[in-house]
Amino acid sequence: MASYFIGSIPNGLILGRWIWGVDLRQHGSNNIGATNAWRVIGKKAGVSIFLMDMLKGILGAGLGLYYAGSPLAGVLCGILAVAGHSWSIFLRFKGGKSVSTGLGVLIMLMPKIAVIVFLVWLAIVFVTQYVSLGSIIGAALVPVMAFIFNQPMEYFIFGLLAAIFIIYRHKANIDRLLHGRENKIRSAS
């Protein structure tokens, strides 16, 4: 349950209001995630929220690995952190798309794969300026890399479920990408 509550912390809402005086739910895509923060408030806000949301995944999965010491416990606690981010108790069970929090879980479970996936995501975003495209491709890459690097079955299954979940959460983005209406990343400052 601690992993779920950690994942539920609405960093974008808290940081947006307390530091920048902006309720991200009222601006841009109305999402409290890093991409909307980047667009609405600026790069510093986007990076800060990205890192804080990633930390939720690191702490969530870390609790399982530390206290139970098994891959399955790390996966289950990581999933709970992602669930908390996506269905936050503090936001009436609404939340983000879980890319940053999922990356945090990935860092704890499969750090080498996390680096590869992050670099692929970064390259795609840099070249295309589409965060959603980088997130979708990065998510799809996780189970492939878990298989290639012969990771424990629990990690492969996590990668597969996370990929399906993240891609599903991006279904509106996929539609906009296919129809040429997706927003490119642009910073307010």
C-alpha atoms as a PDB file:
ATOM      1  CA  MET A   1       0.000   0.000   0.000  1.00  0.00           C
ATOM      2  CA  ALA A   2       2.921   2.357   0.661  1.00  0.00           C
ATOM      3  CA  SER A   3       3.958   2.040  -2.999  1.00  0.00           C
ATOM      4  CA  TYR A   4       0.448   2.977  -4.125  1.00  0.00           C
ATOM      5  CA  PHE A   5       0.399   6.053  -1.858  1.00  0.00           C
ATOM      6  CA  ILE A   6       3.859   7.116  -3.032  1.00  0.00           C
ATOM      7  CA  GLY A   7       2.667   6.775  -6.625  1.00  0.00           C
ATOM      8  CA  SER A   8      -0.462   8.794  -5.795  1.00  0.00           C
ATOM      9  CA  ILE A   9       1.452  11.929  -4.811  1.00  0.00           C
ATOM     10  CA  PRO A  10       0.409  14.505  -7.466  1.00  0.00           C
ATOM     11  CA  ASN A  11       3.807  16.128  -8.010  1.00  0.00           C
ATOM     12  CA  GLY A  12       2.646  18.215 -10.961  1.00  0.00           C
ATOM     13  CA  LEU A  13      -0.215  19.687  -8.966  1.00  0.00           C
ATOM     14  CA  ILE A  14       1.882  20.297  -5.852  1.00  0.00           C
ATOM     15  CA  LEU A  15       4.945  21.741  -7.586  1.00  0.00           C
ATOM     16  CA  GLY A  16       2.879  23.653 -10.127  1.00  0.00           C
ATOM     17  CA  ARG A  17       0.869  25.405  -7.419  1.00  0.00           C
ATOM     18  CA  TRP A  18       3.508  25.879  -4.713  1.00  0.00           C
ATOM     19  CA  ILE A  19       6.494  26.858  -6.812  1.00  0.00           C
ATOM     20  CA  TRP A  20       5.059  28.381  -9.988  1.00  0.00           C
ATOM     21  CA  GLY A  21       1.551  29.346  -8.847  1.00  0.00           C
ATOM     22  CA  VAL A  22      -0.062  27.399 -11.701  1.00  0.00           C
ATOM     23  CA  ASP A  23      -2.734  24.715 -11.473  1.00  0.00           C
ATOM     24  CA  LEU A  24      -1.820  22.574 -14.473  1.00  0.00           C
ATOM     25  CA  ARG A  25      -5.321  21.104 -14.489  1.00  0.00           C
ATOM     26  CA  GLN A  26      -6.522  24.484 -15.769  1.00  0.00           C
ATOM     27  CA  HIS A  27      -3.996  24.929 -18.600  1.00  0.00           C
ATOM     28  CA  GLY A  28      -2.785  23.243 -21.773  1.00  0.00           C
ATOM     29  CA  SER A  29      -3.845  19.598 -21.875  1.00  0.00           C
ATOM     30  CA  ASN A  30      -5.134  19.881 -18.271  1.00  0.00           C
ATOM     31  CA  ASN A  31      -2.711  17.108 -17.329  1.00  0.00           C
ATOM     32  CA  ILE A  32      -0.411  17.508 -14.307  1.00  0.00           C
ATOM     33  CA  GLY A  33       2.415  15.606 -16.012  1.00  0.00           C
ATOM     34  CA  ALA A  34       5.864  16.732 -17.088  1.00  0.00           C
ATOM     35  CA  THR A  35       4.975  17.362 -20.740  1.00  0.00           C
ATOM     36  CA  ASN A  36       2.133  19.742 -19.929  1.00  0.00           C
ATOM     37  CA  ALA A  37       4.273  21.427 -17.266  1.00  0.00           C
ATOM     38  CA  TRP A  38       7.060  21.882 -19.862  1.00  0.00           C
ATOM     39  CA  ARG A  39       4.630  23.453 -22.314  1.00  0.00           C
ATOM     40  CA  VAL A  40       2.719  25.629 -19.841  1.00  0.00           C
ATOM     41  CA  ILE A  41       5.298  26.668 -17.246  1.00  0.00           C
ATOM     42  CA  GLY A  42       8.643  25.922 -18.855  1.00  0.00           C
ATOM     43  CA  LYS A  43      11.585  23.546 -19.026  1.00  0.00           C
ATOM     44  CA  LYS A  44      12.520  23.784 -15.347  1.00  0.00           C
ATOM     45  CA  ALA A  45       9.001  22.789 -14.289  1.00  0.00           C
ATOM     46  CA  GLY A  46       8.821  19.979 -16.833  1.00  0.00           C
ATOM     47  CA  VAL A  47      12.159  18.485 -15.801  1.00  0.00           C
ATOM     48  CA  SER A  48      11.384  18.865 -12.073  1.00  0.00           C
ATOM     49  CA  ILE A  49       8.035  17.113 -12.377  1.00  0.00           C
ATOM     50  CA  PHE A  50       9.548  14.420 -14.608  1.00  0.00           C
ATOM     51  CA  LEU A  51      12.230  13.680 -11.986  1.00  0.00           C
ATOM     52  CA  MET A  52       9.773  13.695  -9.066  1.00  0.00           C
ATOM     53  CA  ASP A  53       7.365  11.369 -10.890  1.00  0.00           C
ATOM     54  CA  MET A  54      10.266   9.092 -11.805  1.00  0.00           C
ATOM     55  CA  LEU A  55      11.303   9.030  -8.140  1.00  0.00           C
ATOM     56  CA  LYS A  56       7.856   7.654  -7.255  1.00  0.00           C
ATOM     57  CA  GLY A  57       8.557   4.597  -9.408  1.00  0.00           C
ATOM     58  CA  ILE A  58      12.061   4.178  -7.981  1.00  0.00           C
ATOM     59  CA  LEU A  59      10.758   4.326  -4.395  1.00  0.00           C
ATOM     60  CA  GLY A  60       7.738   2.138  -5.106  1.00  0.00           C
ATOM     61  CA  ALA A  61       9.682  -0.698  -6.728  1.00  0.00           C
ATOM     62  CA  GLY A  62      12.542  -0.174  -4.287  1.00  0.00           C
ATOM     63  CA  LEU A  63      10.255  -0.898  -1.345  1.00  0.00           C
ATOM     64  CA  GLY A  64       9.423  -4.308  -2.772  1.00  0.00           C
ATOM     65  CA  LEU A  65      13.015  -5.141  -3.606  1.00  0.00           C
ATOM     66  CA  TYR A  66      14.328  -3.916  -0.265  1.00  0.00           C
ATOM     67  CA  TYR A  67      11.733  -5.375   2.103  1.00  0.00           C
ATOM     68  CA  ALA A  68      10.855  -8.604   0.303  1.00  0.00           C
ATOM     69  CA  GLY A  69      14.023  -8.992  -1.737  1.00  0.00           C
ATOM     70  CA  SER A  70      12.435 -10.736  -4.700  1.00  0.00           C
ATOM     71  CA  PRO A  71      11.879  -9.753  -8.338  1.00  0.00           C
ATOM     72  CA  LEU A  72       8.152 -10.426  -7.953  1.00  0.00           C
ATOM     73  CA  ALA A  73       7.871  -8.080  -4.952  1.00  0.00           C
ATOM     74  CA  GLY A  74       9.743  -5.367  -6.880  1.00  0.00           C
ATOM     75  CA  VAL A  75       7.378  -5.790  -9.823  1.00  0.00           C
ATOM     76  CA  LEU A  76       4.220  -5.789  -7.695  1.00  0.00           C
ATOM     77  CA  CYS A  77       5.260  -2.710  -5.726  1.00  0.00           C
ATOM     78  CA  GLY A  78       6.316  -1.009  -8.960  1.00  0.00           C
ATOM     79  CA  ILE A  79       2.913  -1.753 -10.467  1.00  0.00           C
ATOM     80  CA  LEU A  80       1.263  -0.275  -7.369  1.00  0.00           C
ATOM     81  CA  ALA A  81       3.319   2.920  -7.745  1.00  0.00           C
ATOM     82  CA  VAL A  82       2.259   3.171 -11.400  1.00  0.00           C
ATOM     83  CA  ALA A  83      -1.361   2.495 -10.411  1.00  0.00           C
ATOM     84  CA  GLY A  84      -1.141   5.246  -7.806  1.00  0.00           C
ATOM     85  CA  HIS A  85       0.169   7.669 -10.406  1.00  0.00           C
ATOM     86  CA  SER A  86      -2.560   6.729 -12.886  1.00  0.00           C
ATOM     87  CA  TRP A  87      -5.418   6.561 -10.365  1.00  0.00           C
ATOM     88  CA  SER A  88      -4.334   8.860  -7.545  1.00  0.00           C
ATOM     89  CA  ILE A  89      -6.387   8.770  -4.379  1.00  0.00           C
ATOM     90  CA  PHE A  90      -5.589  12.489  -4.065  1.00  0.00           C
ATOM     91  CA  LEU A  91      -7.066  13.292  -7.497  1.00  0.00           C
ATOM     92  CA  ARG A  92     -10.328  11.329  -7.236  1.00  0.00           C
ATOM     93  CA  PHE A  93      -8.678   8.328  -8.918  1.00  0.00           C
ATOM     94  CA  LYS A  94      -7.489  10.249 -11.951  1.00  0.00           C
ATOM     95  CA  GLY A  95      -3.887  10.702 -12.964  1.00  0.00           C
ATOM     96  CA  GLY A  96      -1.206  10.654 -15.581  1.00  0.00           C
ATOM     97  CA  LYS A  97      -0.027   8.339 -18.308  1.00  0.00           C
ATOM     98  CA  SER A  98       2.670   6.817 -16.075  1.00  0.00           C
ATOM     99  CA  VAL A  99       5.668   7.169 -18.385  1.00  0.00           C
ATOM    100  CA  SER A 100       7.913   8.909 -15.832  1.00  0.00           C
ATOM    101  CA  THR A 101       6.813   6.695 -12.943  1.00  0.00           C
ATOM    102  CA  GLY A 102       7.178   3.608 -15.147  1.00  0.00           C
ATOM    103  CA  LEU A 103      10.711   4.687 -16.024  1.00  0.00           C
ATOM    104  CA  GLY A 104      11.470   4.908 -12.310  1.00  0.00           C
ATOM    105  CA  VAL A 105      10.260   1.333 -11.820  1.00  0.00           C
ATOM    106  CA  LEU A 106      12.357   0.272 -14.797  1.00  0.00           C
ATOM    107  CA  ILE A 107      15.441   1.924 -13.284  1.00  0.00           C
ATOM    108  CA  MET A 108      15.029  -0.209 -10.160  1.00  0.00           C
ATOM    109  CA  LEU A 109      14.288  -3.468 -11.966  1.00  0.00           C
ATOM    110  CA  MET A 110      16.404  -3.268 -15.118  1.00  0.00           C
ATOM    111  CA  PRO A 111      18.798  -0.287 -14.981  1.00  0.00           C
ATOM    112  CA  LYS A 112      20.683  -1.073 -18.231  1.00  0.00           C
ATOM    113  CA  ILE A 113      17.441  -1.391 -20.143  1.00  0.00           C
ATOM    114  CA  ALA A 114      16.174   1.820 -18.531  1.00  0.00           C
ATOM    115  CA  VAL A 115      19.207   3.683 -19.919  1.00  0.00           C
ATOM    116  CA  ILE A 116      18.685   2.244 -23.415  1.00  0.00           C
ATOM    117  CA  VAL A 117      14.953   3.016 -23.410  1.00  0.00           C
ATOM    118  CA  PHE A 118      15.521   6.537 -22.085  1.00  0.00           C
ATOM    119  CA  LEU A 119      18.142   7.261 -24.754  1.00  0.00           C
ATOM    120  CA  VAL A 120      15.819   5.966 -27.493  1.00  0.00           C
ATOM    121  CA  TRP A 121      12.987   8.105 -26.065  1.00  0.00           C
ATOM    122  CA  LEU A 122      15.269  11.142 -25.931  1.00  0.00           C
ATOM    123  CA  ALA A 123      16.455  10.641 -29.526  1.00  0.00           C
ATOM    124  CA  ILE A 124      12.890  10.287 -30.824  1.00  0.00           C
ATOM    125  CA  VAL A 125      11.703  13.374 -28.942  1.00  0.00           C
ATOM    126  CA  PHE A 126      14.738  15.362 -30.093  1.00  0.00           C
ATOM    127  CA  VAL A 127      14.286  14.413 -33.764  1.00  0.00           C
ATOM    128  CA  THR A 128      10.474  14.480 -34.027  1.00  0.00           C
ATOM    129  CA  GLN A 129       9.527  16.830 -31.145  1.00  0.00           C
ATOM    130  CA  TYR A 130       6.734  14.352 -30.241  1.00  0.00           C
ATOM    131  CA  VAL A 131       6.957  13.247 -26.597  1.00  0.00           C
ATOM    132  CA  SER A 132       4.068  10.830 -27.098  1.00  0.00           C
ATOM    133  CA  LEU A 133       5.815   9.059 -29.978  1.00  0.00           C
ATOM    134  CA  GLY A 134       8.966   8.641 -27.898  1.00  0.00           C
ATOM    135  CA  SER A 135       6.903   7.326 -24.982  1.00  0.00           C
ATOM    136  CA  ILE A 136       5.010   4.823 -27.126  1.00  0.00           C
ATOM    137  CA  ILE A 137       8.131   3.485 -28.830  1.00  0.00           C
ATOM    138  CA  GLY A 138      10.079   3.452 -25.566  1.00  0.00           C
ATOM    139  CA  ALA A 139       7.319   1.491 -23.843  1.00  0.00           C
ATOM    140  CA  ALA A 140       7.148  -1.026 -26.698  1.00  0.00           C
ATOM    141  CA  LEU A 141      10.915  -1.473 -26.509  1.00  0.00           C
ATOM    142  CA  VAL A 142      10.934  -2.547 -22.832  1.00  0.00           C
ATOM    143  CA  PRO A 143       9.671  -6.152 -23.217  1.00  0.00           C
ATOM    144  CA  VAL A 144      11.830  -6.614 -26.325  1.00  0.00           C
ATOM    145  CA  MET A 145      14.930  -5.501 -24.404  1.00  0.00           C
ATOM    146  CA  ALA A 146      13.936  -7.617 -21.374  1.00  0.00           C
ATOM    147  CA  PHE A 147      13.795 -10.651 -23.670  1.00  0.00           C
ATOM    148  CA  ILE A 148      17.067  -9.829 -25.438  1.00  0.00           C
ATOM    149  CA  PHE A 149      18.895  -9.251 -22.139  1.00  0.00           C
ATOM    150  CA  ASN A 150      17.434 -12.472 -20.668  1.00  0.00           C
ATOM    151  CA  GLN A 151      15.825 -10.758 -17.672  1.00  0.00           C
ATOM    152  CA  PRO A 152      13.783 -12.696 -15.072  1.00  0.00           C
ATOM    153  CA  MET A 153      10.336 -13.710 -16.310  1.00  0.00           C
ATOM    154  CA  GLU A 154       8.700 -11.357 -13.770  1.00  0.00           C
ATOM    155  CA  TYR A 155      10.551  -8.417 -15.345  1.00  0.00           C
ATOM    156  CA  PHE A 156       9.625  -9.461 -18.871  1.00  0.00           C
ATOM    157  CA  ILE A 157       5.949  -9.732 -17.871  1.00  0.00           C
ATOM    158  CA  PHE A 158       6.155  -6.324 -16.153  1.00  0.00           C
ATOM    159  CA  GLY A 159       7.674  -4.855 -19.323  1.00  0.00           C
ATOM    160  CA  LEU A 160       4.942  -6.356 -21.466  1.00  0.00           C
ATOM    161  CA  LEU A 161       2.106  -5.210 -19.190  1.00  0.00           C
ATOM    162  CA  ALA A 162       3.644  -1.746 -18.784  1.00  0.00           C
ATOM    163  CA  ALA A 163       4.025  -1.398 -22.561  1.00  0.00           C
ATOM    164  CA  ILE A 164       0.401  -2.362 -23.178  1.00  0.00           C
ATOM    165  CA  PHE A 165      -0.791  -0.029 -20.422  1.00  0.00           C
ATOM    166  CA  ILE A 166       1.268   2.980 -21.528  1.00  0.00           C
ATOM    167  CA  ILE A 167       0.378   2.523 -25.183  1.00  0.00           C
ATOM    168  CA  TYR A 168      -3.298   2.255 -24.220  1.00  0.00           C
ATOM    169  CA  ARG A 169      -3.049   5.444 -22.144  1.00  0.00           C
ATOM    170  CA  HIS A 170      -1.719   7.144 -25.289  1.00  0.00           C
ATOM    171  CA  LYS A 171      -4.587   6.071 -27.569  1.00  0.00           C
ATOM    172  CA  ALA A 172      -5.745   9.680 -28.102  1.00  0.00           C
ATOM    173  CA  ASN A 173      -2.146  10.677 -28.881  1.00  0.00           C
ATOM    174  CA  ILE A 174      -1.874   7.826 -31.384  1.00  0.00           C
ATOM    175  CA  ASP A 175      -5.020   9.040 -33.121  1.00  0.00           C
ATOM    176  CA  ARG A 176      -3.632  12.593 -33.267  1.00  0.00           C
ATOM    177  CA  LEU A 177      -0.264  11.320 -34.546  1.00  0.00           C
ATOM    178  CA  LEU A 178      -1.979   9.335 -37.310  1.00  0.00           C
ATOM    179  CA  HIS A 179      -4.029  12.370 -38.332  1.00  0.00           C
ATOM    180  CA  GLY A 180      -1.217  14.929 -38.073  1.00  0.00           C
ATOM    181  CA  ARG A 181      -2.764  16.790 -35.143  1.00  0.00           C
ATOM    182  CA  GLU A 182      -0.427  15.831 -32.299  1.00  0.00           C
ATOM    183  CA  ASN A 183       1.221  18.689 -30.428  1.00  0.00           C
ATOM    184  CA  LYS A 184       4.971  18.999 -30.572  1.00  0.00           C
ATOM    185  CA  ILE A 185       6.943  19.743 -27.429  1.00  0.00           C
ATOM    186  CA  ARG A 186       7.378  23.436 -26.947  1.00  0.00           C
ATOM    187  CA  SER A 187       8.414  25.199 -23.802  1.00  0.00           C
ATOM    188  CA  ALA A 188       6.863  28.285 -22.279  1.00  0.00           C
ATOM    189  CA  SER A 189      10.371  29.493 -21.440  1.00  0.00           C
END
